[in-house]
C-alpha atoms as a PDB file:
ATOM      1  CA  MET A   1     -44.429  14.708 -57.368  1.00  0.00           C
ATOM      2  CA  ARG A   2     -41.566  12.511 -58.654  1.00  0.00           C
ATOM      3  CA  ASP A   3     -40.392  15.357 -60.967  1.00  0.00           C
ATOM      4  CA  SER A   4     -40.248  17.678 -57.955  1.00  0.00           C
ATOM      5  CA  VAL A   5     -38.207  15.189 -55.914  1.00  0.00           C
ATOM      6  CA  ASN A   6     -35.791  14.647 -58.830  1.00  0.00           C
ATOM      7  CA  LEU A   7     -35.462  18.402 -59.195  1.00  0.00           C
ATOM      8  CA  LEU A   8     -34.564  18.743 -55.512  1.00  0.00           C
ATOM      9  CA  VAL A   9     -31.840  16.056 -55.669  1.00  0.00           C
ATOM     10  CA  ASP A  10     -30.388  17.210 -59.018  1.00  0.00           C
ATOM     11  CA  ALA A  11     -31.169  13.871 -60.689  1.00  0.00           C
ATOM     12  CA  VAL A  12     -30.805  13.443 -64.434  1.00  0.00           C
ATOM     13  CA  PRO A  13     -34.297  14.122 -65.755  1.00  0.00           C
ATOM     14  CA  GLU A  14     -36.328  11.160 -66.971  1.00  0.00           C
ATOM     15  CA  GLY A  15     -36.071  10.641 -70.709  1.00  0.00           C
ATOM     16  CA  ILE A  16     -32.615  12.210 -71.077  1.00  0.00           C
ATOM     17  CA  ASP A  17     -30.324   9.867 -73.031  1.00  0.00           C
ATOM     18  CA  THR A  18     -27.086  10.197 -71.034  1.00  0.00           C
ATOM     19  CA  LYS A  19     -25.408   7.393 -72.990  1.00  0.00           C
ATOM     20  CA  GLY A  20     -26.410   8.988 -76.300  1.00  0.00           C
ATOM     21  CA  ILE A  21     -25.054  12.384 -75.198  1.00  0.00           C
ATOM     22  CA  THR A  22     -21.772  10.761 -74.081  1.00  0.00           C
ATOM     23  CA  GLU A  23     -21.433   8.915 -77.391  1.00  0.00           C
ATOM     24  CA  TYR A  24     -22.263  12.038 -79.423  1.00  0.00           C
ATOM     25  CA  LEU A  25     -19.705  14.203 -77.613  1.00  0.00           C
ATOM     26  CA  SER A  26     -17.018  11.483 -77.603  1.00  0.00           C
ATOM     27  CA  ASN A  27     -17.363  10.963 -81.348  1.00  0.00           C
ATOM     28  CA  LEU A  28     -17.017  14.637 -82.299  1.00  0.00           C
ATOM     29  CA  LYS A  29     -14.087  15.361 -84.595  1.00  0.00           C
ATOM     30  CA  SER A  30     -11.114  16.698 -82.593  1.00  0.00           C
ATOM     31  CA  VAL A  31     -12.548  15.571 -79.246  1.00  0.00           C
ATOM     32  CA  ASN A  32     -10.075  13.222 -77.522  1.00  0.00           C
ATOM     33  CA  GLN A  33     -11.844  12.898 -74.172  1.00  0.00           C
ATOM     34  CA  ILE A  34     -14.810  14.128 -72.207  1.00  0.00           C
ATOM     35  CA  HIS A  35     -15.010  14.487 -68.433  1.00  0.00           C
ATOM     36  CA  ASP A  36     -17.044  16.169 -65.724  1.00  0.00           C
ATOM     37  CA  LEU A  37     -20.332  15.587 -67.595  1.00  0.00           C
ATOM     38  CA  HIS A  38     -23.220  16.703 -65.427  1.00  0.00           C
ATOM     39  CA  ILE A  39     -26.892  16.795 -66.460  1.00  0.00           C
ATOM     40  CA  TRP A  40     -29.657  18.121 -64.228  1.00  0.00           C
ATOM     41  CA  ALA A  41     -33.083  19.756 -64.323  1.00  0.00           C
ATOM     42  CA  LEU A  42     -33.302  23.513 -64.065  1.00  0.00           C
ATOM     43  CA  SER A  43     -37.063  23.163 -63.726  1.00  0.00           C
ATOM     44  CA  THR A  44     -39.644  20.530 -64.567  1.00  0.00           C
ATOM     45  CA  THR A  45     -39.422  21.609 -68.233  1.00  0.00           C
ATOM     46  CA  GLU A  46     -35.776  22.638 -68.795  1.00  0.00           C
ATOM     47  CA  THR A  47     -32.560  20.582 -68.593  1.00  0.00           C
ATOM     48  CA  ALA A  48     -28.985  21.837 -68.216  1.00  0.00           C
ATOM     49  CA  LEU A  49     -25.638  20.255 -69.025  1.00  0.00           C
ATOM     50  CA  THR A  50     -22.004  21.029 -68.273  1.00  0.00           C
ATOM     51  CA  VAL A  51     -19.065  19.145 -69.703  1.00  0.00           C
ATOM     52  CA  HIS A  52     -15.332  19.456 -70.324  1.00  0.00           C
ATOM     53  CA  LEU A  53     -14.133  18.520 -73.812  1.00  0.00           C
ATOM     54  CA  VAL A  54     -10.437  17.728 -74.293  1.00  0.00           C
ATOM     55  CA  VAL A  55      -9.654  18.647 -77.902  1.00  0.00           C
ATOM     56  CA  SER A  56      -6.748  18.421 -80.297  1.00  0.00           C
ATOM     57  CA  ASP A  57      -8.022  21.185 -82.601  1.00  0.00           C
ATOM     58  CA  LYS A  58     -10.552  24.020 -82.628  1.00  0.00           C
ATOM     59  CA  VAL A  59     -14.128  23.068 -81.934  1.00  0.00           C
ATOM     60  CA  LEU A  60     -17.145  25.202 -82.839  1.00  0.00           C
ATOM     61  CA  LEU A  61     -19.490  25.226 -79.874  1.00  0.00           C
ATOM     62  CA  GLN A  62     -22.659  26.598 -81.468  1.00  0.00           C
ATOM     63  CA  PRO A  63     -23.364  23.487 -83.625  1.00  0.00           C
ATOM     64  CA  ILE A  64     -22.704  21.254 -80.578  1.00  0.00           C
ATOM     65  CA  GLN A  65     -25.135  23.240 -78.430  1.00  0.00           C
ATOM     66  CA  LYS A  66     -27.773  23.176 -81.214  1.00  0.00           C
ATOM     67  CA  HIS A  67     -27.393  19.391 -81.595  1.00  0.00           C
ATOM     68  CA  LEU A  68     -27.731  18.863 -77.831  1.00  0.00           C
ATOM     69  CA  HIS A  69     -30.887  20.988 -77.890  1.00  0.00           C
ATOM     70  CA  ASP A  70     -32.475  19.426 -80.995  1.00  0.00           C
ATOM     71  CA  HIS A  71     -31.632  15.775 -80.285  1.00  0.00           C
ATOM     72  CA  PHE A  72     -31.404  15.530 -76.500  1.00  0.00           C
ATOM     73  CA  ASP A  73     -33.706  18.336 -75.212  1.00  0.00           C
ATOM     74  CA  ILE A  74     -30.864  20.140 -73.424  1.00  0.00           C
ATOM     75  CA  GLU A  75     -31.955  23.764 -73.056  1.00  0.00           C
ATOM     76  CA  HIS A  76     -28.766  25.140 -71.475  1.00  0.00           C
ATOM     77  CA  ALA A  77     -25.296  23.712 -72.226  1.00  0.00           C
ATOM     78  CA  THR A  78     -22.053  24.998 -70.767  1.00  0.00           C
ATOM     79  CA  ILE A  79     -19.056  23.472 -72.507  1.00  0.00           C
ATOM     80  CA  GLN A  80     -15.507  24.013 -71.342  1.00  0.00           C
ATOM     81  CA  VAL A  81     -12.881  23.317 -73.990  1.00  0.00           C
ATOM     82  CA  GLU A  82      -9.403  22.181 -72.911  1.00  0.00           C
ATOM     83  CA  THR A  83      -6.329  21.120 -74.795  1.00  0.00           C
ATOM     84  CA  PHE A  84      -4.849  17.756 -73.972  1.00  0.00           C
ATOM     85  CA  GLU A  85      -2.006  19.534 -72.147  1.00  0.00           C
ATOM     86  CA  ASP A  86      -4.497  21.535 -70.043  1.00  0.00           C
ATOM     87  CA  ALA A  87      -6.392  18.400 -69.057  1.00  0.00           C
ATOM     88  CA  ASN A  88      -3.223  16.695 -67.814  1.00  0.00           C
ATOM     89  CA  MET A  89      -1.916  19.588 -65.709  1.00  0.00           C
ATOM     90  CA  GLU A  90      -1.094  18.874 -62.085  1.00  0.00           C
ATOM     91  CA  TYR A  91      -3.480  20.267 -59.492  1.00  0.00           C
ATOM     92  CA  ASP A  92      -2.302  23.587 -58.132  1.00  0.00           C
ATOM     93  CA  PRO A  93      -4.045  24.592 -54.877  1.00  0.00           C
ATOM     94  CA  ASP A  94      -2.920  28.225 -55.381  1.00  0.00           C
ATOM     95  CA  CYS A  95      -4.667  28.461 -58.780  1.00  0.00           C
ATOM     96  CA  HIS A  96      -8.178  29.886 -58.581  1.00  0.00           C
END
């Protein structure tokens, strides 16, 4: 029952190491900053993650996604890569 309630409220699933994920992503070579990290259950057996990585150089996403899967049980990871300049852009309400 508790898993169903957590699923309904988009809670971080029990047993997911949010601090470990944050530390892993923050310590990746070329990653200067992370933001908009969201972790939620897709079902009672699958977990999803989205995150923005601010990078100073190219980052290969496949090894990051594999590490998140193998070490943190994240089945689906969506990673947006931004340059430092992109991350510091002013908000433009006309940009969609």
